Amino acid sequence: MRNRTVVVGLAAALLTSIGAAQFEAVSLADFSGEEIFLNYCSACHGESGRGDGPVARTLLTAVPDLTAISRRYGEFPTMRIADTIDGRGPRIDAHGTRTMPVWGYEFWVEEGGDVVAQREMKEVIAKLVDYIRSIQDDSRGQIRE
């Protein structure tokens, strides 16, 4: 009987250690900008960022082609894109309602809603901005890497 108790105890300890290893906390900041984009943005913006995601056709507002941002603005407006993704800044009523999720808040909550989460949320948005910058078309329609 004593051997059985030892075996059961060892099995429980092993399962506990395996379970802990399987469920390590993972932060969105651990992923690349492309991975974050594909998981959170591509449903509307499409895998290539051209505004042709599967959800885009169901929306009343046209989804912008993210590969044409530099062409539209003459250069890539880093802060404007970061602020648009974050979405928590002041809303300009003349621009209409916001149809895109407020990702700054969503990422902050997903990361835990605390001071560390705020830092990680900013890192996630920076990775998204860098990824969107990397998919810009040049004037000949070629993707710049």
Protein backbone atom coordinates (compact mmCIF):
# COMPACT_ATOMS: atom_id res chain seq x y z
CA MET A 1 0.00 0.00 0.00
CA ARG A 2 2.84 2.36 0.80
CA ASN A 3 4.41 1.85 -2.65
CA ARG A 4 1.08 2.69 -4.26
CA THR A 5 0.93 5.97 -2.29
CA VAL A 6 4.43 6.89 -3.41
CA VAL A 7 3.62 6.09 -7.05
CA VAL A 8 0.39 8.11 -6.91
CA GLY A 9 2.25 11.01 -5.31
CA LEU A 10 4.97 10.95 -7.95
CA ALA A 11 2.40 10.75 -10.74
CA ALA A 12 0.54 13.74 -9.30
CA ALA A 13 3.78 15.74 -9.04
CA LEU A 14 4.70 14.84 -12.61
CA LEU A 15 1.27 15.81 -13.97
CA THR A 16 1.40 19.08 -12.06
CA SER A 17 4.81 19.97 -13.50
CA ILE A 18 3.72 19.00 -17.03
CA GLY A 19 0.53 21.04 -16.67
CA ALA A 20 2.47 24.09 -15.50
CA ALA A 21 4.83 23.83 -18.45
CA GLN A 22 1.95 23.55 -20.92
CA PHE A 23 0.21 26.67 -19.69
CA GLU A 24 3.00 29.22 -19.43
CA ALA A 25 1.79 32.78 -19.84
CA VAL A 26 2.29 34.06 -23.36
CA SER A 27 2.23 37.75 -24.15
CA LEU A 28 1.17 39.23 -27.47
CA ALA A 29 4.50 41.06 -27.33
CA ASP A 30 6.15 37.66 -27.85
CA PHE A 31 4.73 37.48 -31.40
CA SER A 32 5.95 39.17 -34.57
CA GLY A 33 4.10 42.06 -36.15
CA GLU A 34 3.04 39.79 -39.00
CA GLU A 35 1.63 37.18 -36.59
CA ILE A 36 -0.30 39.86 -34.68
CA PHE A 37 -1.58 41.31 -37.97
CA LEU A 38 -2.75 37.92 -39.24
CA ASN A 39 -4.56 37.18 -35.96
CA TYR A 40 -6.16 40.56 -35.31
CA CYS A 41 -6.27 42.57 -38.54
CA SER A 42 -6.52 40.24 -41.52
CA ALA A 43 -10.20 39.43 -41.07
CA CYS A 44 -10.95 42.93 -42.35
CA HIS A 45 -7.74 44.08 -44.02
CA GLY A 46 -6.92 40.73 -45.66
CA GLU A 47 -3.75 38.66 -45.34
CA SER A 48 -1.93 41.00 -47.73
CA GLY A 49 -3.33 44.17 -46.11
CA ARG A 50 -5.22 45.31 -49.21
CA GLY A 51 -8.61 45.65 -47.50
CA ASP A 52 -10.01 42.42 -48.91
CA GLY A 53 -10.43 40.28 -45.81
CA PRO A 54 -13.44 37.98 -45.48
CA VAL A 55 -15.24 40.39 -43.13
CA ALA A 56 -14.63 43.47 -45.35
CA ARG A 57 -17.52 42.77 -47.70
CA THR A 58 -19.98 42.71 -44.79
CA LEU A 59 -19.00 46.17 -43.51
CA LEU A 60 -20.75 49.40 -44.50
CA THR A 61 -17.45 51.29 -44.52
CA ALA A 62 -14.75 50.42 -47.06
CA VAL A 63 -11.72 48.83 -45.43
CA PRO A 64 -8.58 50.75 -46.42
CA ASP A 65 -5.73 49.24 -48.40
CA LEU A 66 -2.89 49.35 -45.88
CA THR A 67 -0.27 48.76 -48.58
CA ALA A 68 -0.99 52.22 -50.06
CA ILE A 69 -0.50 54.36 -46.94
CA SER A 70 2.92 55.74 -47.94
CA ARG A 71 1.64 56.53 -51.43
CA ARG A 72 -1.41 58.36 -50.01
CA TYR A 73 0.63 60.44 -47.54
CA GLY A 74 3.90 60.82 -49.45
CA GLU A 75 5.72 59.03 -46.62
CA PHE A 76 4.72 56.57 -43.95
CA PRO A 77 2.99 58.47 -41.08
CA THR A 78 4.20 56.32 -38.18
CA MET A 79 2.51 58.19 -35.32
CA ARG A 80 -0.79 58.56 -37.18
CA ILE A 81 -0.90 54.82 -37.86
CA ALA A 82 0.02 53.99 -34.23
CA ASP A 83 -2.70 56.37 -32.98
CA THR A 84 -5.24 54.85 -35.37
CA ILE A 85 -4.47 51.32 -34.19
CA ASP A 86 -4.50 52.41 -30.54
CA GLY A 87 -7.82 54.22 -31.03
CA ARG A 88 -7.97 55.75 -27.58
CA GLY A 89 -7.04 59.29 -28.61
CA PRO A 90 -9.57 62.04 -29.17
CA ARG A 91 -12.13 61.22 -31.83
CA ILE A 92 -12.68 63.77 -34.58
CA ASP A 93 -16.44 63.91 -35.21
CA ALA A 94 -15.97 65.20 -38.77
CA HIS A 95 -14.27 61.89 -39.61
CA GLY A 96 -17.41 59.93 -38.70
CA THR A 97 -17.77 56.99 -36.38
CA ARG A 98 -14.96 54.56 -35.71
CA THR A 99 -15.68 51.13 -37.15
CA MET A 100 -12.27 49.62 -36.34
CA PRO A 101 -11.90 48.12 -32.84
CA VAL A 102 -10.05 50.18 -30.25
CA TRP A 103 -7.05 47.87 -30.28
CA GLY A 104 -5.10 49.82 -27.65
CA TYR A 105 -7.77 49.03 -25.10
CA GLU A 106 -8.25 45.46 -26.35
CA PHE A 107 -4.51 44.68 -26.22
CA TRP A 108 -4.18 46.36 -22.80
CA VAL A 109 -6.99 44.20 -21.36
CA GLU A 110 -5.65 41.05 -23.02
CA GLU A 111 -2.23 41.68 -21.46
CA GLY A 112 -3.71 42.06 -17.97
CA GLY A 113 -4.91 45.65 -17.73
CA ASP A 114 -2.05 46.93 -15.55
CA VAL A 115 1.14 49.00 -15.90
CA VAL A 116 3.05 46.08 -17.46
CA ALA A 117 0.16 45.53 -19.86
CA GLN A 118 0.34 49.19 -20.94
CA ARG A 119 4.03 48.77 -21.85
CA GLU A 120 3.36 45.50 -23.69
CA MET A 121 0.37 47.02 -25.53
CA LYS A 122 2.63 49.80 -26.84
CA GLU A 123 5.16 47.18 -27.97
CA VAL A 124 2.43 45.23 -29.79
CA ILE A 125 1.24 48.37 -31.58
CA ALA A 126 4.83 49.27 -32.52
CA LYS A 127 5.27 45.80 -34.03
CA LEU A 128 2.05 46.22 -36.01
CA VAL A 129 3.15 49.63 -37.29
CA ASP A 130 6.53 48.22 -38.34
CA TYR A 131 4.82 45.35 -40.13
CA ILE A 132 2.40 47.69 -41.94
CA ARG A 133 5.38 49.85 -42.97
CA SER A 134 7.02 46.71 -44.40
CA ILE A 135 4.08 45.93 -46.71
CA GLN A 136 3.95 49.33 -48.41
CA ASP A 137 3.76 49.36 -52.21
CA ASP A 138 6.13 51.64 -54.04
CA SER A 139 5.00 53.73 -57.01
CA ARG A 140 5.42 50.76 -59.40
CA GLY A 141 3.18 48.53 -57.28
CA GLN A 142 6.05 46.42 -55.91
CA ILE A 143 6.15 45.43 -52.26
CA ARG A 144 9.09 46.90 -50.36
CA GLU A 145 10.66 44.64 -47.74
